[in-house]
N, C-alpha and C. Protein backbone atom coordinates (compact mmCIF):
# COMPACT_ATOMS: atom_id res chain seq x y z
N UNK A 1 136.60 92.03 113.02
CA UNK A 1 135.80 92.99 113.76
C UNK A 1 136.03 92.76 115.24
N UNK A 2 136.20 93.85 115.96
CA UNK A 2 136.61 93.73 117.35
C UNK A 2 135.48 93.90 118.35
N UNK A 3 134.62 94.86 118.15
CA UNK A 3 133.60 95.16 119.14
C UNK A 3 132.36 94.29 118.95
N UNK A 4 131.56 94.24 120.02
CA UNK A 4 130.33 93.45 119.97
C UNK A 4 129.14 94.32 120.35
N UNK A 5 128.00 93.98 119.78
CA UNK A 5 126.76 94.66 120.09
C UNK A 5 125.73 93.61 120.45
N UNK A 6 125.20 93.70 121.67
CA UNK A 6 124.14 92.76 122.08
C UNK A 6 122.85 93.18 121.37
N UNK A 7 122.10 92.20 120.92
CA UNK A 7 120.85 92.46 120.22
C UNK A 7 119.71 91.77 120.96
N UNK A 8 118.60 92.46 121.05
CA UNK A 8 117.44 91.90 121.73
C UNK A 8 116.40 91.33 120.78
N UNK A 9 116.32 91.89 119.57
CA UNK A 9 115.25 91.49 118.66
C UNK A 9 115.68 90.54 117.55
N UNK A 10 116.96 90.44 117.30
CA UNK A 10 117.42 89.53 116.25
C UNK A 10 117.00 88.08 116.50
N UNK A 11 116.96 87.60 117.76
CA UNK A 11 116.49 86.23 117.97
C UNK A 11 115.08 85.98 117.42
N UNK A 12 114.23 87.01 117.38
CA UNK A 12 112.88 86.84 116.83
C UNK A 12 112.90 86.49 115.35
N UNK A 13 113.92 86.96 114.66
CA UNK A 13 114.05 86.67 113.22
C UNK A 13 114.25 85.17 113.01
N UNK A 14 114.93 84.52 113.93
CA UNK A 14 115.27 83.11 113.77
C UNK A 14 114.36 82.16 114.54
N UNK A 15 113.44 82.68 115.34
CA UNK A 15 112.50 81.84 116.09
C UNK A 15 111.54 81.11 115.16
N UNK A 16 111.27 79.87 115.47
CA UNK A 16 110.23 79.08 114.80
C UNK A 16 110.38 78.99 113.29
N UNK A 17 111.62 78.97 112.79
CA UNK A 17 111.82 78.80 111.35
C UNK A 17 111.59 77.35 110.96
N UNK A 18 111.07 77.13 109.78
CA UNK A 18 110.90 75.78 109.26
C UNK A 18 112.25 75.31 108.73
N UNK A 19 112.99 74.61 109.58
CA UNK A 19 114.35 74.20 109.23
C UNK A 19 114.40 72.98 108.32
N UNK A 20 113.24 72.44 107.98
CA UNK A 20 113.20 71.30 107.07
C UNK A 20 113.29 71.71 105.60
N UNK A 21 113.09 72.99 105.35
CA UNK A 21 113.17 73.45 103.97
C UNK A 21 114.31 74.47 103.85
N UNK A 22 114.74 74.70 102.63
CA UNK A 22 115.81 75.66 102.40
C UNK A 22 115.29 77.08 102.62
N UNK A 23 116.04 77.86 103.37
CA UNK A 23 115.69 79.25 103.63
C UNK A 23 116.41 80.14 102.63
N UNK A 24 115.76 81.22 102.23
CA UNK A 24 116.39 82.26 101.42
C UNK A 24 116.62 83.46 102.31
N UNK A 25 117.88 83.89 102.39
CA UNK A 25 118.25 84.96 103.30
C UNK A 25 118.95 86.06 102.51
N UNK A 26 118.50 87.30 102.71
CA UNK A 26 119.13 88.47 102.11
C UNK A 26 119.87 89.23 103.21
N UNK A 27 121.16 89.40 103.03
CA UNK A 27 121.99 90.19 103.93
C UNK A 27 122.47 91.40 103.13
N UNK A 28 121.93 92.57 103.45
CA UNK A 28 122.27 93.78 102.71
C UNK A 28 123.55 94.37 103.30
N UNK A 29 124.63 93.71 103.02
CA UNK A 29 125.93 94.14 103.51
C UNK A 29 126.99 93.24 102.92
N UNK A 30 128.22 93.59 103.17
CA UNK A 30 129.32 92.77 102.68
C UNK A 30 129.37 91.46 103.45
N UNK A 31 129.79 90.40 102.79
CA UNK A 31 129.94 89.11 103.45
C UNK A 31 131.04 89.23 104.50
N UNK A 32 130.75 88.79 105.71
CA UNK A 32 131.75 88.76 106.77
C UNK A 32 131.96 87.32 107.19
N UNK A 33 133.14 87.04 107.70
CA UNK A 33 133.42 85.67 108.14
C UNK A 33 132.47 85.25 109.25
N UNK A 34 132.12 86.18 110.14
CA UNK A 34 131.20 85.87 111.23
C UNK A 34 129.84 85.44 110.69
N UNK A 35 129.31 86.18 109.74
CA UNK A 35 127.99 85.86 109.19
C UNK A 35 127.99 84.54 108.42
N UNK A 36 129.03 84.31 107.65
CA UNK A 36 129.12 83.06 106.89
C UNK A 36 129.17 81.87 107.85
N UNK A 37 129.98 81.97 108.91
CA UNK A 37 130.05 80.89 109.91
C UNK A 37 128.68 80.67 110.56
N UNK A 38 128.00 81.75 110.92
CA UNK A 38 126.69 81.64 111.56
C UNK A 38 125.70 80.91 110.65
N UNK A 39 125.64 81.29 109.39
CA UNK A 39 124.64 80.71 108.48
C UNK A 39 125.01 79.31 108.00
N UNK A 40 126.22 78.85 108.25
CA UNK A 40 126.60 77.48 107.90
C UNK A 40 125.75 76.45 108.63
N UNK A 41 125.15 76.81 109.75
CA UNK A 41 124.34 75.86 110.52
C UNK A 41 122.94 75.67 109.92
N UNK A 42 122.56 76.54 108.99
CA UNK A 42 121.23 76.47 108.38
C UNK A 42 121.32 75.92 106.96
N UNK A 43 120.25 75.24 106.56
CA UNK A 43 120.11 74.85 105.16
C UNK A 43 119.51 76.08 104.47
N UNK A 44 120.40 76.88 103.84
CA UNK A 44 119.89 78.14 103.30
C UNK A 44 120.65 78.56 102.04
N UNK A 45 120.01 79.42 101.33
CA UNK A 45 120.65 80.10 100.21
C UNK A 45 120.84 81.54 100.68
N UNK A 46 122.09 81.93 100.80
CA UNK A 46 122.44 83.21 101.38
C UNK A 46 122.81 84.18 100.26
N UNK A 47 122.13 85.31 100.23
CA UNK A 47 122.38 86.34 99.22
C UNK A 47 122.97 87.56 99.92
N UNK A 48 124.25 87.81 99.71
CA UNK A 48 124.86 89.04 100.22
C UNK A 48 124.72 90.09 99.12
N UNK A 49 124.23 91.25 99.48
CA UNK A 49 124.08 92.35 98.53
C UNK A 49 124.84 93.54 99.09
N UNK A 50 126.13 93.60 98.79
CA UNK A 50 126.95 94.69 99.30
C UNK A 50 126.61 95.94 98.50
N UNK A 51 125.62 96.66 98.96
CA UNK A 51 125.10 97.79 98.21
C UNK A 51 126.01 99.01 98.26
N UNK A 52 127.08 98.95 99.03
CA UNK A 52 128.07 100.03 99.02
C UNK A 52 129.21 99.70 98.07
N UNK A 53 129.25 98.47 97.59
CA UNK A 53 130.37 98.01 96.77
C UNK A 53 130.33 98.54 95.35
N UNK A 54 131.15 97.94 94.52
CA UNK A 54 131.36 98.36 93.14
C UNK A 54 130.08 98.41 92.32
N UNK A 55 129.19 97.45 92.52
CA UNK A 55 127.95 97.43 91.73
C UNK A 55 126.78 97.95 92.53
N UNK A 56 127.06 98.65 93.60
CA UNK A 56 126.02 99.09 94.51
C UNK A 56 125.09 100.14 93.94
N UNK A 57 124.18 100.56 94.79
CA UNK A 57 123.11 101.45 94.37
C UNK A 57 123.61 102.82 93.94
N UNK A 58 124.71 103.30 94.50
CA UNK A 58 125.19 104.64 94.15
C UNK A 58 125.59 104.72 92.68
N UNK A 59 126.31 103.71 92.21
CA UNK A 59 126.72 103.70 90.81
C UNK A 59 125.50 103.58 89.92
N UNK A 60 124.59 102.70 90.24
CA UNK A 60 123.39 102.50 89.44
C UNK A 60 122.50 103.74 89.46
N UNK A 61 122.51 104.46 90.57
CA UNK A 61 121.67 105.65 90.70
C UNK A 61 122.08 106.73 89.69
N UNK A 62 123.37 106.76 89.33
CA UNK A 62 123.85 107.75 88.36
C UNK A 62 123.46 107.38 86.93
N UNK A 63 123.24 106.10 86.67
CA UNK A 63 122.92 105.65 85.32
C UNK A 63 121.45 105.89 85.01
N UNK A 64 121.16 106.02 83.74
CA UNK A 64 119.78 106.25 83.31
C UNK A 64 118.95 104.98 83.51
N UNK A 65 117.71 105.15 83.98
CA UNK A 65 116.82 104.02 84.23
C UNK A 65 115.69 104.01 83.22
N UNK A 66 115.17 102.82 83.00
CA UNK A 66 113.97 102.69 82.17
C UNK A 66 112.76 103.08 83.01
N UNK A 67 111.66 103.49 82.36
CA UNK A 67 110.45 103.83 83.13
C UNK A 67 110.02 102.66 84.02
N UNK A 68 109.58 102.95 85.20
CA UNK A 68 109.06 101.98 86.18
C UNK A 68 110.14 101.03 86.70
N UNK A 69 111.40 101.34 86.48
CA UNK A 69 112.49 100.52 87.00
C UNK A 69 113.12 101.26 88.17
N UNK A 70 113.34 100.56 89.27
CA UNK A 70 114.02 101.19 90.40
C UNK A 70 115.52 100.93 90.28
N UNK A 71 116.28 101.69 91.01
CA UNK A 71 117.72 101.49 91.07
C UNK A 71 118.03 100.05 91.49
N UNK A 72 117.24 99.54 92.42
CA UNK A 72 117.52 98.22 92.97
C UNK A 72 117.13 97.10 92.02
N UNK A 73 116.25 97.34 91.07
CA UNK A 73 115.98 96.33 90.05
C UNK A 73 117.25 96.00 89.29
N UNK A 74 118.12 96.99 89.14
CA UNK A 74 119.36 96.80 88.39
C UNK A 74 120.47 96.24 89.28
N UNK A 75 120.41 96.52 90.56
CA UNK A 75 121.47 96.07 91.48
C UNK A 75 121.28 94.61 91.87
N UNK A 76 120.06 94.25 92.24
CA UNK A 76 119.79 92.88 92.69
C UNK A 76 119.68 91.96 91.48
N UNK A 77 120.36 90.85 91.58
CA UNK A 77 120.32 89.87 90.49
C UNK A 77 119.86 88.53 91.07
N UNK A 78 118.64 88.53 91.62
CA UNK A 78 118.11 87.33 92.24
C UNK A 78 117.54 86.41 91.17
N UNK A 79 117.68 85.10 91.37
CA UNK A 79 117.02 84.17 90.44
C UNK A 79 115.51 84.41 90.42
N UNK A 80 114.91 84.23 89.27
CA UNK A 80 113.46 84.42 89.13
C UNK A 80 112.72 83.58 90.17
N UNK A 81 111.75 84.18 90.82
CA UNK A 81 110.94 83.47 91.80
C UNK A 81 111.53 83.43 93.20
N UNK A 82 112.67 84.07 93.43
CA UNK A 82 113.27 84.08 94.76
C UNK A 82 112.38 84.83 95.74
N UNK A 83 112.05 84.17 96.84
CA UNK A 83 111.29 84.79 97.93
C UNK A 83 112.11 84.66 99.20
N UNK A 84 112.38 85.77 99.84
CA UNK A 84 113.22 85.77 101.03
C UNK A 84 112.40 85.47 102.28
N UNK A 85 112.99 84.64 103.13
CA UNK A 85 112.41 84.35 104.44
C UNK A 85 112.92 85.34 105.48
N UNK A 86 114.17 85.79 105.28
CA UNK A 86 114.82 86.72 106.21
C UNK A 86 115.53 87.81 105.40
N UNK A 87 115.36 89.05 105.84
CA UNK A 87 116.09 90.19 105.27
C UNK A 87 116.82 90.90 106.41
N UNK A 88 118.12 91.01 106.29
CA UNK A 88 118.93 91.70 107.29
C UNK A 88 119.39 93.03 106.68
N UNK A 89 118.77 94.13 107.13
CA UNK A 89 119.07 95.44 106.57
C UNK A 89 120.17 96.18 107.32
N UNK A 90 120.46 95.74 108.54
CA UNK A 90 121.44 96.41 109.40
C UNK A 90 121.10 97.89 109.47
N UNK A 91 122.04 98.79 109.18
CA UNK A 91 121.72 100.22 109.22
C UNK A 91 121.60 100.83 107.82
N UNK A 92 121.53 99.99 106.80
CA UNK A 92 121.55 100.46 105.41
C UNK A 92 120.40 101.39 105.06
N UNK A 93 119.24 101.21 105.64
CA UNK A 93 118.09 102.05 105.30
C UNK A 93 118.39 103.53 105.57
N UNK A 94 119.30 103.81 106.47
CA UNK A 94 119.65 105.18 106.84
C UNK A 94 120.62 105.84 105.86
N UNK A 95 121.02 105.11 104.84
CA UNK A 95 121.87 105.67 103.79
C UNK A 95 121.04 106.04 102.56
N UNK A 96 119.75 105.79 102.62
CA UNK A 96 118.88 106.03 101.49
C UNK A 96 118.00 107.25 101.72
N UNK A 97 117.89 108.11 100.71
CA UNK A 97 116.91 109.19 100.82
C UNK A 97 115.52 108.57 100.65
N UNK A 98 114.49 109.36 100.77
CA UNK A 98 113.12 108.81 100.75
C UNK A 98 112.80 108.12 99.42
N UNK A 99 113.27 108.66 98.31
CA UNK A 99 113.01 108.04 97.01
C UNK A 99 113.65 106.66 96.95
N UNK A 100 114.90 106.56 97.36
CA UNK A 100 115.58 105.27 97.32
C UNK A 100 115.01 104.29 98.34
N UNK A 101 114.56 104.78 99.49
CA UNK A 101 113.92 103.92 100.49
C UNK A 101 112.67 103.27 99.89
N UNK A 102 111.87 104.07 99.23
CA UNK A 102 110.66 103.53 98.58
C UNK A 102 111.00 102.62 97.42
N UNK A 103 112.05 102.95 96.67
CA UNK A 103 112.51 102.08 95.57
C UNK A 103 112.91 100.71 96.09
N UNK A 104 113.63 100.69 97.21
CA UNK A 104 114.05 99.41 97.79
C UNK A 104 112.83 98.58 98.18
N UNK A 105 111.88 99.21 98.84
CA UNK A 105 110.66 98.50 99.24
C UNK A 105 109.91 97.98 98.02
N UNK A 106 109.82 98.79 96.98
CA UNK A 106 109.12 98.36 95.76
C UNK A 106 109.79 97.16 95.11
N UNK A 107 111.10 97.18 95.05
CA UNK A 107 111.84 96.05 94.46
C UNK A 107 111.68 94.80 95.31
N UNK A 108 111.80 94.93 96.62
CA UNK A 108 111.71 93.76 97.49
C UNK A 108 110.30 93.19 97.57
N UNK A 109 109.31 93.98 97.27
CA UNK A 109 107.92 93.51 97.30
C UNK A 109 107.73 92.23 96.48
N UNK A 110 108.46 92.11 95.40
CA UNK A 110 108.38 90.92 94.53
C UNK A 110 109.16 89.73 95.08
N UNK A 111 109.92 89.96 96.17
CA UNK A 111 110.80 88.92 96.68
C UNK A 111 110.54 88.57 98.14
N UNK A 112 109.37 88.95 98.66
CA UNK A 112 109.02 88.62 100.04
C UNK A 112 107.65 87.94 100.07
N UNK A 113 107.33 87.33 101.19
CA UNK A 113 106.04 86.67 101.39
C UNK A 113 105.54 87.01 102.79
N UNK A 114 104.34 86.60 103.10
CA UNK A 114 103.72 86.94 104.40
C UNK A 114 104.53 86.48 105.60
N UNK A 115 105.38 85.48 105.44
CA UNK A 115 106.19 85.00 106.56
C UNK A 115 107.57 85.62 106.65
N UNK A 116 107.91 86.52 105.74
CA UNK A 116 109.23 87.14 105.74
C UNK A 116 109.43 87.98 107.00
N UNK A 117 110.62 87.85 107.59
CA UNK A 117 110.99 88.62 108.77
C UNK A 117 112.23 89.44 108.42
N UNK A 118 112.36 90.57 109.06
CA UNK A 118 113.52 91.43 108.77
C UNK A 118 114.01 92.10 110.05
N UNK A 119 115.23 92.61 109.95
CA UNK A 119 115.87 93.27 111.08
C UNK A 119 116.59 94.50 110.57
N UNK A 120 116.53 95.59 111.35
CA UNK A 120 117.19 96.83 110.96
C UNK A 120 117.53 97.66 112.20
N UNK A 121 118.43 98.61 111.99
CA UNK A 121 118.75 99.60 113.01
C UNK A 121 118.43 100.98 112.46
N UNK A 122 117.83 101.82 113.29
CA UNK A 122 117.54 103.21 112.95
C UNK A 122 117.89 104.06 114.17
N UNK A 123 118.01 105.37 113.98
CA UNK A 123 118.25 106.21 115.15
C UNK A 123 116.97 106.42 115.94
N UNK A 124 117.13 106.63 117.23
CA UNK A 124 115.98 107.00 118.04
C UNK A 124 115.62 108.46 117.79
N UNK A 125 116.64 109.28 117.58
CA UNK A 125 116.43 110.72 117.36
C UNK A 125 117.32 111.20 116.23
N UNK A 126 116.77 112.00 115.34
CA UNK A 126 117.58 112.59 114.27
C UNK A 126 118.43 113.76 114.77
N UNK A 127 118.19 114.20 115.99
CA UNK A 127 118.95 115.31 116.55
C UNK A 127 120.32 114.88 117.07
N UNK A 128 120.54 113.58 117.18
CA UNK A 128 121.80 113.06 117.69
C UNK A 128 122.55 112.33 116.57
N UNK A 129 123.87 112.22 116.68
CA UNK A 129 124.64 111.52 115.65
C UNK A 129 124.23 110.04 115.57
N UNK A 130 124.31 109.50 114.37
CA UNK A 130 124.02 108.08 114.14
C UNK A 130 125.18 107.51 113.34
N UNK A 131 126.18 106.93 114.03
CA UNK A 131 127.37 106.46 113.33
C UNK A 131 127.08 105.23 112.46
N UNK A 132 127.72 105.19 111.29
CA UNK A 132 127.61 104.01 110.43
C UNK A 132 128.41 102.86 111.01
N UNK A 133 127.95 101.64 110.76
CA UNK A 133 128.65 100.46 111.26
C UNK A 133 128.65 99.36 110.21
N UNK A 134 129.58 98.46 110.37
CA UNK A 134 129.62 97.23 109.57
C UNK A 134 129.30 96.10 110.55
N UNK A 135 128.44 95.16 110.12
CA UNK A 135 127.93 94.14 111.03
C UNK A 135 128.31 92.74 110.57
N UNK A 136 128.63 91.90 111.52
CA UNK A 136 128.84 90.47 111.31
C UNK A 136 128.02 89.72 112.34
N UNK A 137 127.40 88.65 111.94
CA UNK A 137 126.48 87.91 112.80
C UNK A 137 127.24 86.82 113.54
N UNK A 138 127.56 87.07 114.82
CA UNK A 138 128.26 86.06 115.62
C UNK A 138 127.29 84.97 116.08
N UNK A 139 126.16 85.40 116.62
CA UNK A 139 125.08 84.49 117.00
C UNK A 139 123.81 85.33 117.04
N UNK A 140 122.68 84.71 117.37
CA UNK A 140 121.41 85.43 117.32
C UNK A 140 121.31 86.54 118.37
N UNK A 141 122.19 86.53 119.37
CA UNK A 141 122.13 87.54 120.41
C UNK A 141 123.27 88.55 120.36
N UNK A 142 124.25 88.35 119.48
CA UNK A 142 125.41 89.25 119.46
C UNK A 142 125.93 89.45 118.04
N UNK A 143 126.28 90.70 117.76
CA UNK A 143 126.84 91.07 116.47
C UNK A 143 128.26 91.56 116.65
N UNK A 144 129.12 91.21 115.72
CA UNK A 144 130.44 91.81 115.65
C UNK A 144 130.26 93.11 114.88
N UNK A 145 130.80 94.20 115.41
CA UNK A 145 130.60 95.50 114.76
C UNK A 145 131.92 96.23 114.58
N UNK A 146 131.91 97.09 113.59
CA UNK A 146 133.04 97.98 113.35
C UNK A 146 132.45 99.30 112.90
N UNK A 147 132.78 100.39 113.61
CA UNK A 147 132.29 101.70 113.22
C UNK A 147 132.99 102.11 111.94
N UNK A 148 132.19 102.51 110.98
CA UNK A 148 132.73 102.91 109.68
C UNK A 148 132.17 104.27 109.31
N UNK A 149 133.02 105.27 109.32
CA UNK A 149 132.52 106.56 108.87
C UNK A 149 132.23 106.49 107.38
N UNK A 150 131.42 107.31 106.83
CA UNK A 150 130.79 108.45 107.47
C UNK A 150 129.50 108.04 108.18
N UNK A 151 128.98 108.94 109.00
CA UNK A 151 127.69 108.66 109.61
C UNK A 151 126.61 108.54 108.55
N UNK A 152 125.55 107.87 108.90
CA UNK A 152 124.44 107.68 107.96
C UNK A 152 123.88 109.03 107.53
N UNK A 153 123.83 109.31 106.22
CA UNK A 153 123.41 110.63 105.75
C UNK A 153 121.90 110.89 105.80
N UNK A 154 121.08 109.84 105.84
CA UNK A 154 119.62 109.99 105.84
C UNK A 154 119.00 109.17 106.97
N UNK A 155 119.29 109.52 108.22
CA UNK A 155 118.74 108.71 109.31
C UNK A 155 117.21 108.76 109.32
N UNK A 156 116.60 107.60 109.35
CA UNK A 156 115.14 107.47 109.37
C UNK A 156 114.71 106.89 110.70
N UNK A 157 113.78 107.53 111.35
CA UNK A 157 113.28 107.01 112.61
C UNK A 157 112.31 105.85 112.36
N UNK A 158 111.96 105.19 113.42
CA UNK A 158 111.00 104.10 113.40
C UNK A 158 109.71 104.54 112.69
N UNK A 159 109.23 105.73 112.97
CA UNK A 159 107.98 106.22 112.37
C UNK A 159 108.09 106.39 110.86
N UNK A 160 109.23 106.85 110.39
CA UNK A 160 109.44 107.01 108.94
C UNK A 160 109.44 105.64 108.27
N UNK A 161 110.13 104.68 108.86
CA UNK A 161 110.16 103.32 108.28
C UNK A 161 108.75 102.75 108.26
N UNK A 162 108.02 102.91 109.32
CA UNK A 162 106.65 102.38 109.39
C UNK A 162 105.76 102.99 108.30
N UNK A 163 105.98 104.24 107.99
CA UNK A 163 105.14 104.95 107.02
C UNK A 163 105.59 104.74 105.57
N UNK A 164 106.86 104.47 105.34
CA UNK A 164 107.41 104.54 103.98
C UNK A 164 108.00 103.24 103.44
N UNK A 165 107.96 102.16 104.19
CA UNK A 165 108.69 100.96 103.76
C UNK A 165 107.76 99.76 103.57
N UNK A 166 106.53 100.00 103.13
CA UNK A 166 105.60 98.91 102.86
C UNK A 166 106.17 98.04 101.75
N UNK A 167 106.10 96.73 101.90
CA UNK A 167 105.20 95.91 102.72
C UNK A 167 105.76 95.54 104.09
N UNK A 168 106.91 96.08 104.47
CA UNK A 168 107.46 95.79 105.78
C UNK A 168 106.78 96.68 106.82
N UNK A 169 106.47 96.10 107.96
CA UNK A 169 105.94 96.90 109.06
C UNK A 169 106.73 96.58 110.32
N UNK A 170 106.83 97.57 111.19
CA UNK A 170 107.58 97.42 112.43
C UNK A 170 106.72 96.66 113.42
N UNK A 171 107.15 95.45 113.72
CA UNK A 171 106.42 94.60 114.65
C UNK A 171 106.83 94.88 116.09
N UNK A 172 108.14 95.08 116.27
CA UNK A 172 108.67 95.40 117.61
C UNK A 172 109.87 96.33 117.45
N UNK A 173 110.10 97.13 118.47
CA UNK A 173 111.25 98.03 118.48
C UNK A 173 111.78 98.12 119.90
N UNK A 174 113.08 98.31 120.02
CA UNK A 174 113.68 98.47 121.33
C UNK A 174 114.86 99.44 121.23
N UNK A 175 115.10 100.16 122.31
CA UNK A 175 116.19 101.12 122.34
C UNK A 175 117.49 100.46 122.76
N UNK A 176 118.57 100.87 122.11
CA UNK A 176 119.91 100.44 122.47
C UNK A 176 120.73 101.68 122.80
N UNK A 177 121.99 101.49 123.16
CA UNK A 177 122.87 102.62 123.44
C UNK A 177 123.19 103.38 122.17
N UNK A 178 123.74 104.57 122.35
CA UNK A 178 124.27 105.41 121.28
C UNK A 178 123.23 105.76 120.21
N UNK A 179 122.04 106.15 120.65
CA UNK A 179 120.99 106.62 119.74
C UNK A 179 120.55 105.56 118.73
N UNK A 180 120.67 104.30 119.09
CA UNK A 180 120.34 103.22 118.17
C UNK A 180 119.04 102.56 118.61
N UNK A 181 118.14 102.38 117.67
CA UNK A 181 116.90 101.66 117.92
C UNK A 181 116.90 100.42 117.02
N UNK A 182 116.58 99.30 117.61
CA UNK A 182 116.58 98.03 116.89
C UNK A 182 115.15 97.71 116.48
N UNK A 183 114.97 97.29 115.22
CA UNK A 183 113.63 96.98 114.70
C UNK A 183 113.52 95.53 114.26
N UNK A 184 112.41 94.92 114.62
CA UNK A 184 112.01 93.62 114.08
C UNK A 184 110.83 93.92 113.15
N UNK A 185 110.99 93.59 111.88
CA UNK A 185 109.97 93.89 110.88
C UNK A 185 109.38 92.60 110.34
N UNK A 186 108.12 92.68 109.97
CA UNK A 186 107.45 91.58 109.31
C UNK A 186 106.80 92.11 108.04
N UNK A 187 106.33 91.22 107.20
CA UNK A 187 105.74 91.61 105.93
C UNK A 187 104.23 91.44 105.98
N UNK A 188 103.54 92.43 105.48
CA UNK A 188 102.09 92.38 105.33
C UNK A 188 101.77 92.83 103.91
N UNK A 189 101.48 91.88 103.03
CA UNK A 189 101.25 92.19 101.63
C UNK A 189 99.86 92.72 101.34
N UNK A 190 98.91 92.49 102.23
CA UNK A 190 97.52 92.88 101.97
C UNK A 190 97.18 94.29 102.44
N UNK A 191 98.13 94.99 103.03
CA UNK A 191 97.84 96.33 103.58
C UNK A 191 97.69 97.38 102.50
């Protein structure tokens, strides 16, 4: 990956972590060399979920589901009892229609706790283009990026995520260049 994107809110995801215990981290994207190198410094169990890949949500979405089962129940194969401390969504939420966005939240509800932190990118405005990207974590302040067409088909603004992605709530948001808004999310299970 050649280009870099400075991030303002990603450092909040890594602030004040209990580094004495093993962290569970969900990266909803393909494994990149940058991200693997970054996470080598932590005592963690890293779960990459390349949801665009061969076993991703699109293939599962075409298959018949059992009642009360979400597409993501079939895609994610987490060990029983896995609770994530960090979820890195990148821009993936913008590839999901409202049904799939809620399905993802419902599935993850069983795998998060009150201390879970997350990071995502959404457009500031749906009236402007929102290009898709592939992300690699160089450090807490910079991401390696590669623009990957097509553009996100279901761009969701900060307000849509706040309303539709419980138990995650938008704790902080900041504007970046190119119609990109960066979100720091936390989990509130009692809401």
